[in-house]
Amino acid sequence: MVTADSIKTHIETSMSCELVHVEGDDGYHFSALIVSPEFRGKNMVQQHQLVYRALGDRMKQEIHALSMKTMTPEQWAESNNQN
């Protein structure tokens, strides 16, 4: 069974990331916050496609649902300054 930690590790090894946080404890439904410079200049759909590519066949076979919040490092810094 896939775990939040294994998804996190897979994303971190497949993409350049400044932050990856994945939650989910039922083995099928997960939520992730991913901050990556690879998202610069890409819209949300393109950002999510990068993550789906990083996860590969896991998205088709092991992960039933993954909700994502994707941000560039600049967006992440700005969101933290507003809090």
C-alpha atoms as a PDB file:
ATOM      1  CA  MET A   1       0.000   0.000   0.000  1.00  0.00           C
ATOM      2  CA  VAL A   2       1.238   3.476  -0.884  1.00  0.00           C
ATOM      3  CA  THR A   3       1.879   5.923   1.971  1.00  0.00           C
ATOM      4  CA  ALA A   4       2.072   9.702   2.222  1.00  0.00           C
ATOM      5  CA  ASP A   5       5.803   9.379   2.920  1.00  0.00           C
ATOM      6  CA  SER A   6       6.396   7.265  -0.186  1.00  0.00           C
ATOM      7  CA  ILE A   7       4.541   9.795  -2.360  1.00  0.00           C
ATOM      8  CA  LYS A   8       6.591  12.619  -0.827  1.00  0.00           C
ATOM      9  CA  THR A   9       9.840  10.769  -1.484  1.00  0.00           C
ATOM     10  CA  HIS A  10       8.850   9.958  -5.063  1.00  0.00           C
ATOM     11  CA  ILE A  11       7.997  13.603  -5.824  1.00  0.00           C
ATOM     12  CA  GLU A  12      11.204  14.861  -4.184  1.00  0.00           C
ATOM     13  CA  THR A  13      13.391  12.479  -6.174  1.00  0.00           C
ATOM     14  CA  SER A  14      11.633  13.213  -9.477  1.00  0.00           C
ATOM     15  CA  MET A  15      11.386  17.008  -9.272  1.00  0.00           C
ATOM     16  CA  SER A  16      13.329  19.956  -7.938  1.00  0.00           C
ATOM     17  CA  CYS A  17      11.304  20.963  -4.868  1.00  0.00           C
ATOM     18  CA  GLU A  18      11.753  23.414  -2.036  1.00  0.00           C
ATOM     19  CA  LEU A  19       8.894  21.923  -0.020  1.00  0.00           C
ATOM     20  CA  VAL A  20       6.752  18.816  -0.281  1.00  0.00           C
ATOM     21  CA  HIS A  21       4.125  17.995   2.337  1.00  0.00           C
ATOM     22  CA  VAL A  22       1.793  15.045   1.774  1.00  0.00           C
ATOM     23  CA  GLU A  23      -1.032  13.917   4.050  1.00  0.00           C
ATOM     24  CA  GLY A  24      -3.332  10.915   3.924  1.00  0.00           C
ATOM     25  CA  ASP A  25      -3.596   7.800   6.021  1.00  0.00           C
ATOM     26  CA  ASP A  26      -6.058   5.536   4.230  1.00  0.00           C
ATOM     27  CA  GLY A  27      -3.642   4.458   1.490  1.00  0.00           C
ATOM     28  CA  TYR A  28      -5.789   5.830  -1.343  1.00  0.00           C
ATOM     29  CA  HIS A  29      -6.671   9.502  -0.788  1.00  0.00           C
ATOM     30  CA  PHE A  30      -3.935  12.086  -0.334  1.00  0.00           C
ATOM     31  CA  SER A  31      -3.416  15.838  -0.309  1.00  0.00           C
ATOM     32  CA  ALA A  32      -0.138  17.528  -1.137  1.00  0.00           C
ATOM     33  CA  LEU A  33       1.484  20.942  -0.939  1.00  0.00           C
ATOM     34  CA  ILE A  34       4.349  21.200  -3.415  1.00  0.00           C
ATOM     35  CA  VAL A  35       6.631  24.215  -3.838  1.00  0.00           C
ATOM     36  CA  SER A  36       8.925  23.982  -6.852  1.00  0.00           C
ATOM     37  CA  PRO A  37      10.842  26.345  -9.116  1.00  0.00           C
ATOM     38  CA  GLU A  38       9.777  24.036 -11.968  1.00  0.00           C
ATOM     39  CA  PHE A  39       6.291  25.578 -11.687  1.00  0.00           C
ATOM     40  CA  ARG A  40       7.481  29.036 -12.772  1.00  0.00           C
ATOM     41  CA  GLY A  41       5.704  30.220 -15.922  1.00  0.00           C
ATOM     42  CA  LYS A  42       3.238  27.324 -15.875  1.00  0.00           C
ATOM     43  CA  ASN A  43      -0.479  27.433 -15.196  1.00  0.00           C
ATOM     44  CA  MET A  44      -2.075  25.231 -12.546  1.00  0.00           C
ATOM     45  CA  VAL A  45      -2.945  22.431 -14.986  1.00  0.00           C
ATOM     46  CA  GLN A  46       0.639  22.319 -16.280  1.00  0.00           C
ATOM     47  CA  GLN A  47       1.964  22.295 -12.704  1.00  0.00           C
ATOM     48  CA  HIS A  48      -0.279  19.366 -11.788  1.00  0.00           C
ATOM     49  CA  GLN A  49       0.792  17.536 -14.949  1.00  0.00           C
ATOM     50  CA  LEU A  50       4.421  17.805 -13.804  1.00  0.00           C
ATOM     51  CA  VAL A  51       3.499  16.158 -10.513  1.00  0.00           C
ATOM     52  CA  TYR A  52       1.455  13.453 -12.263  1.00  0.00           C
ATOM     53  CA  ARG A  53       4.438  12.734 -14.511  1.00  0.00           C
ATOM     54  CA  ALA A  54       6.706  12.545 -11.467  1.00  0.00           C
ATOM     55  CA  LEU A  55       4.389   9.960  -9.899  1.00  0.00           C
ATOM     56  CA  GLY A  56       4.042   8.000 -13.142  1.00  0.00           C
ATOM     57  CA  ASP A  57       2.041   4.785 -12.984  1.00  0.00           C
ATOM     58  CA  ARG A  58       1.326   5.273  -9.275  1.00  0.00           C
ATOM     59  CA  MET A  59      -1.429   7.714 -10.290  1.00  0.00           C
ATOM     60  CA  LYS A  60      -3.051   5.038 -12.449  1.00  0.00           C
ATOM     61  CA  GLN A  61      -2.603   2.056 -10.174  1.00  0.00           C
ATOM     62  CA  GLU A  62      -1.959   2.909  -6.520  1.00  0.00           C
ATOM     63  CA  ILE A  63      -3.296   6.389  -5.786  1.00  0.00           C
ATOM     64  CA  HIS A  64      -7.054   6.793  -6.015  1.00  0.00           C
ATOM     65  CA  ALA A  65      -7.131  10.552  -5.359  1.00  0.00           C
ATOM     66  CA  LEU A  66      -4.510  13.260  -4.905  1.00  0.00           C
ATOM     67  CA  SER A  67      -5.513  16.849  -4.267  1.00  0.00           C
ATOM     68  CA  MET A  68      -2.673  19.281  -4.817  1.00  0.00           C
ATOM     69  CA  LYS A  69      -1.749  22.835  -4.010  1.00  0.00           C
ATOM     70  CA  THR A  70       1.208  23.773  -6.197  1.00  0.00           C
ATOM     71  CA  MET A  71       3.186  26.977  -5.809  1.00  0.00           C
ATOM     72  CA  THR A  72       6.368  28.595  -7.041  1.00  0.00           C
ATOM     73  CA  PRO A  73       8.880  29.590  -4.353  1.00  0.00           C
ATOM     74  CA  GLU A  74       7.826  33.216  -4.856  1.00  0.00           C
ATOM     75  CA  GLN A  75       4.138  32.400  -4.354  1.00  0.00           C
ATOM     76  CA  TRP A  76       5.012  30.410  -1.235  1.00  0.00           C
ATOM     77  CA  ALA A  77       7.076  33.277   0.209  1.00  0.00           C
ATOM     78  CA  GLU A  78       4.286  35.746  -0.526  1.00  0.00           C
ATOM     79  CA  SER A  79       1.641  33.545   1.098  1.00  0.00           C
ATOM     80  CA  ASN A  80       3.782  33.205   4.225  1.00  0.00           C
ATOM     81  CA  ASN A  81       4.313  36.971   4.437  1.00  0.00           C
ATOM     82  CA  GLN A  82       0.557  37.540   4.452  1.00  0.00           C
ATOM     83  CA  ASN A  83       0.017  35.326   7.502  1.00  0.00           C
END
